[in-house]
PDB file of N, CA and C in Angstrom:
ATOM      1  N   MET A   1     144.431  21.671 -78.361  1.00  0.00           N
ATOM      2  CA  MET A   1     145.656  21.123 -77.615  1.00  0.00           C
ATOM      3  C   MET A   1     145.628  19.736 -77.528  1.00  0.00           C
ATOM      4  N   SER A   2     146.684  19.052 -78.022  1.00  0.00           N
ATOM      5  CA  SER A   2     146.447  17.629 -77.887  1.00  0.00           C
ATOM      6  C   SER A   2     146.949  17.029 -76.205  1.00  0.00           C
ATOM      7  N   GLU A   3     146.949  15.852 -76.186  1.00  0.00           N
ATOM      8  CA  GLU A   3     147.149  15.298 -75.033  1.00  0.00           C
ATOM      9  C   GLU A   3     148.835  15.551 -74.498  1.00  0.00           C
ATOM     10  N   GLU A   4     149.583  15.124 -75.707  1.00  0.00           N
ATOM     11  CA  GLU A   4     151.055  15.174 -75.807  1.00  0.00           C
ATOM     12  C   GLU A   4     151.390  16.701 -75.511  1.00  0.00           C
ATOM     13  N   GLN A   5     150.953  17.469 -76.050  1.00  0.00           N
ATOM     14  CA  GLN A   5     151.125  18.935 -75.824  1.00  0.00           C
ATOM     15  C   GLN A   5     150.845  19.300 -74.345  1.00  0.00           C
ATOM     16  N   LEU A   6     149.704  18.899 -74.133  1.00  0.00           N
ATOM     17  CA  LEU A   6     149.537  19.154 -72.847  1.00  0.00           C
ATOM     18  C   LEU A   6     150.525  18.940 -71.604  1.00  0.00           C
ATOM     19  N   ARG A   7     150.550  17.586 -71.595  1.00  0.00           N
ATOM     20  CA  ARG A   7     151.908  16.314 -71.125  1.00  0.00           C
ATOM     21  C   ARG A   7     153.355  17.310 -71.219  1.00  0.00           C
ATOM     22  N   GLN A   8     153.480  17.758 -72.238  1.00  0.00           N
ATOM     23  CA  GLN A   8     154.932  18.905 -72.748  1.00  0.00           C
ATOM     24  C   GLN A   8     154.544  20.107 -71.797  1.00  0.00           C
ATOM     25  N   LEU A   9     153.698  20.584 -71.797  1.00  0.00           N
ATOM     26  CA  LEU A   9     153.458  22.021 -71.267  1.00  0.00           C
ATOM     27  C   LEU A   9     153.492  22.002 -69.603  1.00  0.00           C
ATOM     28  N   ILE A  10     153.072  20.930 -69.208  1.00  0.00           N
ATOM     29  CA  ILE A  10     152.923  20.473 -67.723  1.00  0.00           C
ATOM     30  C   ILE A  10     154.477  20.153 -67.301  1.00  0.00           C
ATOM     31  N   THR A  11     155.243  19.210 -67.987  1.00  0.00           N
ATOM     32  CA  THR A  11     156.307  18.981 -67.679  1.00  0.00           C
ATOM     33  C   THR A  11     157.118  19.938 -67.990  1.00  0.00           C
ATOM     34  N   SER A  12     157.092  21.160 -68.672  1.00  0.00           N
ATOM     35  CA  SER A  12     157.888  22.277 -69.089  1.00  0.00           C
ATOM     36  C   SER A  12     157.511  23.069 -67.719  1.00  0.00           C
ATOM     37  N   ASN A  13     156.499  23.225 -67.237  1.00  0.00           N
ATOM     38  CA  ASN A  13     156.255  24.272 -66.427  1.00  0.00           C
ATOM     39  C   ASN A  13     156.464  23.650 -65.192  1.00  0.00           C
ATOM     40  N   ALA A  14     156.695  22.190 -64.889  1.00  0.00           N
ATOM     41  CA  ALA A  14     157.002  21.464 -63.372  1.00  0.00           C
ATOM     42  C   ALA A  14     158.745  21.920 -63.472  1.00  0.00           C
ATOM     43  N   LYS A  15     159.297  21.668 -64.648  1.00  0.00           N
ATOM     44  CA  LYS A  15     160.621  21.799 -64.460  1.00  0.00           C
ATOM     45  C   LYS A  15     160.959  23.413 -64.256  1.00  0.00           C
ATOM     46  N   ALA A  16     160.165  24.274 -64.639  1.00  0.00           N
ATOM     47  CA  ALA A  16     160.432  25.763 -64.434  1.00  0.00           C
ATOM     48  C   ALA A  16     160.120  26.028 -63.130  1.00  0.00           C
ATOM     49  N   ILE A  17     158.847  25.329 -62.306  1.00  0.00           N
ATOM     50  CA  ILE A  17     158.994  25.644 -61.093  1.00  0.00           C
ATOM     51  C   ILE A  17     159.972  25.314 -60.301  1.00  0.00           C
ATOM     52  N   SER A  18     160.597  23.926 -60.460  1.00  0.00           N
ATOM     53  CA  SER A  18     161.526  23.198 -59.906  1.00  0.00           C
ATOM     54  C   SER A  18     162.717  24.248 -59.924  1.00  0.00           C
ATOM     55  N   ALA A  19     162.875  24.621 -61.316  1.00  0.00           N
ATOM     56  CA  ALA A  19     164.570  25.631 -61.110  1.00  0.00           C
ATOM     57  C   ALA A  19     164.087  26.943 -60.385  1.00  0.00           C
ATOM     58  N   LEU A  20     163.016  27.266 -60.688  1.00  0.00           N
ATOM     59  CA  LEU A  20     162.680  28.913 -59.480  1.00  0.00           C
ATOM     60  C   LEU A  20     162.598  28.279 -58.055  1.00  0.00           C
ATOM     61  N   THR A  21     162.322  27.114 -57.490  1.00  0.00           N
ATOM     62  CA  THR A  21     162.352  26.485 -56.310  1.00  0.00           C
ATOM     63  C   THR A  21     163.803  26.678 -55.916  1.00  0.00           C
ATOM     64  N   ASN A  22     164.799  26.021 -56.502  1.00  0.00           N
ATOM     65  CA  ASN A  22     165.887  25.814 -56.494  1.00  0.00           C
ATOM     66  C   ASN A  22     166.643  26.973 -56.310  1.00  0.00           C
ATOM     67  N   LEU A  23     166.673  27.953 -57.234  1.00  0.00           N
ATOM     68  CA  LEU A  23     166.964  29.241 -57.175  1.00  0.00           C
ATOM     69  C   LEU A  23     166.718  30.182 -56.044  1.00  0.00           C
ATOM     70  N   ALA A  24     165.432  30.214 -55.370  1.00  0.00           N
ATOM     71  CA  ALA A  24     164.902  30.612 -54.350  1.00  0.00           C
ATOM     72  C   ALA A  24     165.365  30.074 -53.169  1.00  0.00           C
ATOM     73  N   ASN A  25     165.717  28.753 -52.925  1.00  0.00           N
ATOM     74  CA  ASN A  25     166.542  28.188 -52.203  1.00  0.00           C
ATOM     75  C   ASN A  25     167.932  28.834 -51.855  1.00  0.00           C
ATOM     76  N   GLU A  26     168.321  28.961 -53.148  1.00  0.00           N
ATOM     77  CA  GLU A  26     169.949  29.455 -52.762  1.00  0.00           C
ATOM     78  C   GLU A  26     170.226  30.969 -52.520  1.00  0.00           C
ATOM     79  N   VAL A  27     168.863  31.714 -53.418  1.00  0.00           N
ATOM     80  CA  VAL A  27     168.846  33.216 -53.174  1.00  0.00           C
ATOM     81  C   VAL A  27     168.254  33.660 -51.432  1.00  0.00           C
ATOM     82  N   ILE A  28     167.418  33.218 -51.022  1.00  0.00           N
ATOM     83  CA  ILE A  28     166.896  33.345 -49.747  1.00  0.00           C
ATOM     84  C   ILE A  28     167.855  33.482 -48.606  1.00  0.00           C
ATOM     85  N   PRO A  29     168.669  32.451 -48.135  1.00  0.00           N
ATOM     86  CA  PRO A  29     169.810  32.043 -47.372  1.00  0.00           C
ATOM     87  C   PRO A  29     170.700  33.327 -47.549  1.00  0.00           C
ATOM     88  N   ARG A  30     171.117  33.874 -48.639  1.00  0.00           N
ATOM     89  CA  ARG A  30     171.873  35.040 -48.903  1.00  0.00           C
ATOM     90  C   ARG A  30     171.118  35.934 -48.625  1.00  0.00           C
ATOM     91  N   ILE A  31     170.163  36.395 -48.905  1.00  0.00           N
ATOM     92  CA  ILE A  31     169.384  37.634 -48.741  1.00  0.00           C
ATOM     93  C   ILE A  31     169.349  37.776 -47.091  1.00  0.00           C
ATOM     94  N   ASP A  32     168.953  36.425 -46.422  1.00  0.00           N
ATOM     95  CA  ASP A  32     169.053  36.419 -44.928  1.00  0.00           C
ATOM     96  C   ASP A  32     170.214  37.067 -44.237  1.00  0.00           C
ATOM     97  N   GLU A  33     171.304  36.179 -45.004  1.00  0.00           N
ATOM     98  CA  GLU A  33     172.569  37.006 -44.316  1.00  0.00           C
ATOM     99  C   GLU A  33     172.871  38.042 -44.848  1.00  0.00           C
ATOM    100  N   MET A  34     172.588  38.818 -45.739  1.00  0.00           N
ATOM    101  CA  MET A  34     172.873  40.136 -46.186  1.00  0.00           C
ATOM    102  C   MET A  34     172.193  41.149 -45.264  1.00  0.00           C
ATOM    103  N   GLN A  35     170.645  40.563 -44.873  1.00  0.00           N
ATOM    104  CA  GLN A  35     169.860  41.381 -43.816  1.00  0.00           C
ATOM    105  C   GLN A  35     170.572  41.448 -42.434  1.00  0.00           C
ATOM    106  N   ARG A  36     170.882  40.042 -41.933  1.00  0.00           N
ATOM    107  CA  ARG A  36     171.634  40.180 -40.724  1.00  0.00           C
ATOM    108  C   ARG A  36     173.023  41.149 -40.465  1.00  0.00           C
ATOM    109  N   GLN A  37     173.809  41.008 -41.921  1.00  0.00           N
ATOM    110  CA  GLN A  37     175.006  42.212 -41.691  1.00  0.00           C
ATOM    111  C   GLN A  37     174.424  43.610 -41.678  1.00  0.00           C
ATOM    112  N   ILE A  38     173.487  43.749 -42.235  1.00  0.00           N
ATOM    113  CA  ILE A  38     172.672  45.301 -42.559  1.00  0.00           C
ATOM    114  C   ILE A  38     172.367  45.675 -40.970  1.00  0.00           C
ATOM    115  N   ASN A  39     171.828  44.471 -40.248  1.00  0.00           N
ATOM    116  CA  ASN A  39     171.223  44.710 -38.977  1.00  0.00           C
ATOM    117  C   ASN A  39     172.613  45.012 -37.982  1.00  0.00           C
ATOM    118  N   ASN A  40     173.738  44.423 -38.347  1.00  0.00           N
ATOM    119  CA  ASN A  40     174.824  44.786 -37.533  1.00  0.00           C
ATOM    120  C   ASN A  40     175.347  45.928 -37.850  1.00  0.00           C
ATOM    121  N   MET A  41     175.692  46.539 -39.183  1.00  0.00           N
ATOM    122  CA  MET A  41     176.023  47.528 -39.581  1.00  0.00           C
ATOM    123  C   MET A  41     175.599  48.732 -38.644  1.00  0.00           C
ATOM    124  N   GLN A  42     173.965  48.649 -38.624  1.00  0.00           N
ATOM    125  CA  GLN A  42     173.271  49.534 -38.299  1.00  0.00           C
ATOM    126  C   GLN A  42     173.364  49.876 -36.560  1.00  0.00           C
ATOM    127  N   ARG A  43     173.578  48.736 -36.015  1.00  0.00           N
ATOM    128  CA  ARG A  43     173.669  48.705 -34.600  1.00  0.00           C
ATOM    129  C   ARG A  43     174.940  49.299 -34.424  1.00  0.00           C
ATOM    130  N   ASP A  44     176.305  48.923 -35.416  1.00  0.00           N
ATOM    131  CA  ASP A  44     177.676  49.247 -34.980  1.00  0.00           C
ATOM    132  C   ASP A  44     177.371  50.983 -35.331  1.00  0.00           C
ATOM    133  N   SER A  45     176.676  51.262 -36.224  1.00  0.00           N
ATOM    134  CA  SER A  45     176.601  52.900 -36.503  1.00  0.00           C
ATOM    135  C   SER A  45     176.049  53.338 -35.066  1.00  0.00           C
ATOM    136  N   VAL A  46     175.016  52.976 -34.748  1.00  0.00           N
ATOM    137  CA  VAL A  46     174.396  53.693 -33.437  1.00  0.00           C
ATOM    138  C   VAL A  46     175.317  53.741 -32.502  1.00  0.00           C
ATOM    139  N   GLU A  47     175.872  52.480 -32.257  1.00  0.00           N
ATOM    140  CA  GLU A  47     176.950  52.447 -31.097  1.00  0.00           C
ATOM    141  C   GLU A  47     178.154  53.427 -31.097  1.00  0.00           C
ATOM    142  N   THR A  48     178.469  53.659 -32.434  1.00  0.00           N
ATOM    143  CA  THR A  48     179.757  54.459 -32.885  1.00  0.00           C
ATOM    144  C   THR A  48     179.035  56.063 -32.983  1.00  0.00           C
ATOM    145  N   LYS A  49     178.170  56.175 -32.942  1.00  0.00           N
ATOM    146  CA  LYS A  49     177.195  57.466 -32.811  1.00  0.00           C
ATOM    147  C   LYS A  49     177.341  57.908 -31.257  1.00  0.00           C
ATOM    148  N   ARG A  50     176.956  57.003 -30.454  1.00  0.00           N
ATOM    149  CA  ARG A  50     176.898  57.587 -28.908  1.00  0.00           C
ATOM    150  C   ARG A  50     178.247  57.687 -28.610  1.00  0.00           C
ATOM    151  N   HIS A  51     178.988  56.878 -29.268  1.00  0.00           N
ATOM    152  CA  HIS A  51     180.383  57.133 -28.677  1.00  0.00           C
ATOM    153  C   HIS A  51     181.179  58.443 -28.808  1.00  0.00           C
ATOM    154  N   ILE A  52     180.835  58.813 -30.317  1.00  0.00           N
ATOM    155  CA  ILE A  52     181.180  59.806 -30.904  1.00  0.00           C
ATOM    156  C   ILE A  52     180.370  61.032 -29.986  1.00  0.00           C
ATOM    157  N   ASP A  53     178.767  60.985 -29.604  1.00  0.00           N
ATOM    158  CA  ASP A  53     178.419  61.790 -28.753  1.00  0.00           C
ATOM    159  C   ASP A  53     178.946  61.843 -27.540  1.00  0.00           C
ATOM    160  N   ASP A  54     179.322  60.850 -26.844  1.00  0.00           N
ATOM    161  CA  ASP A  54     179.880  60.806 -25.371  1.00  0.00           C
ATOM    162  C   ASP A  54     181.367  61.545 -25.528  1.00  0.00           C
ATOM    163  N   THR A  55     182.281  61.414 -26.396  1.00  0.00           N
ATOM    164  CA  THR A  55     183.304  61.908 -26.781  1.00  0.00           C
ATOM    165  C   THR A  55     183.121  63.299 -26.547  1.00  0.00           C
ATOM    166  N   THR A  56     182.519  64.026 -27.547  1.00  0.00           N
ATOM    167  CA  THR A  56     182.171  64.981 -27.974  1.00  0.00           C
ATOM    168  C   THR A  56     181.647  66.063 -26.735  1.00  0.00           C
ATOM    169  N   ALA A  57     180.889  65.283 -25.427  1.00  0.00           N
ATOM    170  CA  ALA A  57     180.612  65.957 -24.627  1.00  0.00           C
ATOM    171  C   ALA A  57     181.796  66.073 -23.590  1.00  0.00           C
ATOM    172  N   ASP A  58     182.717  64.984 -23.775  1.00  0.00           N
ATOM    173  CA  ASP A  58     183.944  65.125 -22.903  1.00  0.00           C
ATOM    174  C   ASP A  58     184.296  66.454 -23.455  1.00  0.00           C
ATOM    175  N   ILE A  59     184.854  66.354 -24.721  1.00  0.00           N
ATOM    176  CA  ILE A  59     185.847  67.404 -25.136  1.00  0.00           C
ATOM    177  C   ILE A  59     185.087  68.878 -24.972  1.00  0.00           C
ATOM    178  N   ARG A  60     183.837  68.972 -24.777  1.00  0.00           N
ATOM    179  CA  ARG A  60     183.148  70.266 -24.582  1.00  0.00           C
ATOM    180  C   ARG A  60     183.030  70.837 -23.109  1.00  0.00           C
ATOM    181  N   GLU A  61     183.259  69.430 -22.520  1.00  0.00           N
ATOM    182  CA  GLU A  61     183.496  69.938 -20.786  1.00  0.00           C
ATOM    183  C   GLU A  61     184.952  69.945 -20.439  1.00  0.00           C
ATOM    184  N   LEU A  62     185.766  69.594 -21.335  1.00  0.00           N
ATOM    185  CA  LEU A  62     187.430  70.039 -21.042  1.00  0.00           C
ATOM    186  C   LEU A  62     187.419  71.311 -21.548  1.00  0.00           C
ATOM    187  N   MET A  63     186.557  71.724 -22.628  1.00  0.00           N
ATOM    188  CA  MET A  63     186.839  73.168 -23.435  1.00  0.00           C
ATOM    189  C   MET A  63     186.546  74.194 -22.130  1.00  0.00           C
ATOM    190  N   LEU A  64     185.461  73.681 -21.667  1.00  0.00           N
ATOM    191  CA  LEU A  64     184.955  74.734 -20.492  1.00  0.00           C
ATOM    192  C   LEU A  64     186.020  74.623 -19.226  1.00  0.00           C
ATOM    193  N   GLU A  65     186.531  73.758 -18.915  1.00  0.00           N
ATOM    194  CA  GLU A  65     187.517  73.647 -17.890  1.00  0.00           C
ATOM    195  C   GLU A  65     188.568  74.478 -18.144  1.00  0.00           C
ATOM    196  N   ASN A  66     188.945  74.207 -19.420  1.00  0.00           N
ATOM    197  CA  ASN A  66     190.188  74.773 -19.759  1.00  0.00           C
ATOM    198  C   ASN A  66     190.077  76.245 -19.985  1.00  0.00           C
ATOM    199  N   GLN A  67     188.949  76.773 -20.407  1.00  0.00           N
ATOM    200  CA  GLN A  67     188.474  78.410 -20.264  1.00  0.00           C
ATOM    201  C   GLN A  67     188.560  78.975 -18.903  1.00  0.00           C
ATOM    202  N   ARG A  68     188.066  78.028 -17.857  1.00  0.00           N
ATOM    203  CA  ARG A  68     187.873  78.607 -16.736  1.00  0.00           C
ATOM    204  C   ARG A  68     189.370  78.640 -15.915  1.00  0.00           C
ATOM    205  N   ILE A  69     190.210  77.637 -16.005  1.00  0.00           N
ATOM    206  CA  ILE A  69     191.643  77.660 -16.058  1.00  0.00           C
ATOM    207  C   ILE A  69     192.309  78.877 -16.369  1.00  0.00           C
ATOM    208  N   LEU A  70     192.065  79.301 -17.900  1.00  0.00           N
ATOM    209  CA  LEU A  70     192.696  80.272 -18.406  1.00  0.00           C
ATOM    210  C   LEU A  70     192.203  81.624 -17.847  1.00  0.00           C
ATOM    211  N   ARG A  71     191.036  81.671 -17.577  1.00  0.00           N
ATOM    212  CA  ARG A  71     190.252  83.249 -16.762  1.00  0.00           C
ATOM    213  C   ARG A  71     190.933  83.161 -15.547  1.00  0.00           C
ATOM    214  N   TYR A  72     190.967  82.013 -14.663  1.00  0.00           N
ATOM    215  CA  TYR A  72     191.648  82.052 -13.458  1.00  0.00           C
ATOM    216  C   TYR A  72     193.179  82.591 -13.551  1.00  0.00           C
ATOM    217  N   LEU A  73     193.663  82.051 -14.270  1.00  0.00           N
ATOM    218  CA  LEU A  73     195.183  82.070 -14.514  1.00  0.00           C
ATOM    219  C   LEU A  73     195.480  83.528 -14.919  1.00  0.00           C
ATOM    220  N   GLU A  74     194.746  84.221 -16.066  1.00  0.00           N
ATOM    221  CA  GLU A  74     194.341  85.602 -16.510  1.00  0.00           C
ATOM    222  C   GLU A  74     194.185  86.693 -15.396  1.00  0.00           C
ATOM    223  N   ASN A  75     193.375  86.535 -14.424  1.00  0.00           N
ATOM    224  CA  ASN A  75     192.926  87.281 -13.371  1.00  0.00           C
ATOM    225  C   ASN A  75     194.298  86.988 -12.360  1.00  0.00           C
ATOM    226  N   ILE A  76     195.115  86.079 -12.085  1.00  0.00           N
ATOM    227  CA  ILE A  76     196.134  86.174 -11.266  1.00  0.00           C
ATOM    228  C   ILE A  76     197.284  86.991 -12.060  1.00  0.00           C
ATOM    229  N   VAL A  77     197.278  86.976 -13.132  1.00  0.00           N
ATOM    230  CA  VAL A  77     198.307  87.680 -13.868  1.00  0.00           C
ATOM    231  C   VAL A  77     198.060  89.128 -13.711  1.00  0.00           C
ATOM    232  N   ASN A  78     196.515  89.267 -14.113  1.00  0.00           N
ATOM    233  CA  ASN A  78     196.082  90.827 -13.846  1.00  0.00           C
ATOM    234  C   ASN A  78     196.203  91.646 -12.758  1.00  0.00           C
ATOM    235  N   ARG A  79     196.443  90.680 -11.566  1.00  0.00           N
ATOM    236  CA  ARG A  79     196.710  91.084 -10.226  1.00  0.00           C
ATOM    237  C   ARG A  79     197.721  91.459 -10.081  1.00  0.00           C
ATOM    238  N   GLU A  80     198.957  90.634 -10.620  1.00  0.00           N
ATOM    239  CA  GLU A  80     200.369  90.771 -10.048  1.00  0.00           C
ATOM    240  C   GLU A  80     200.804  92.236 -11.148  1.00  0.00           C
ATOM    241  N   ASN A  81     199.938  92.603 -11.951  1.00  0.00           N
ATOM    242  CA  ASN A  81     200.489  93.978 -12.745  1.00  0.00           C
ATOM    243  C   ASN A  81     199.892  95.236 -12.304  1.00  0.00           C
TER     244      ASN A  81
END
């Protein structure tokens, strides 16, 4: 390989490395932002699940209370008959 061909190869490689570096500088911040968004979505999902679990527990408690009230009322009605 001649000296000129080596220079051209080195120049070509340098341009390719520069282009890849520029591309990486554009892509990496986007990936970082996407990771932040995913983390936020996961955190929101966990908070939503906690809220749903709390609400489900409240509903379960209300259902039990309603059953107790219903039994109480049925007992009152049965006593009157």
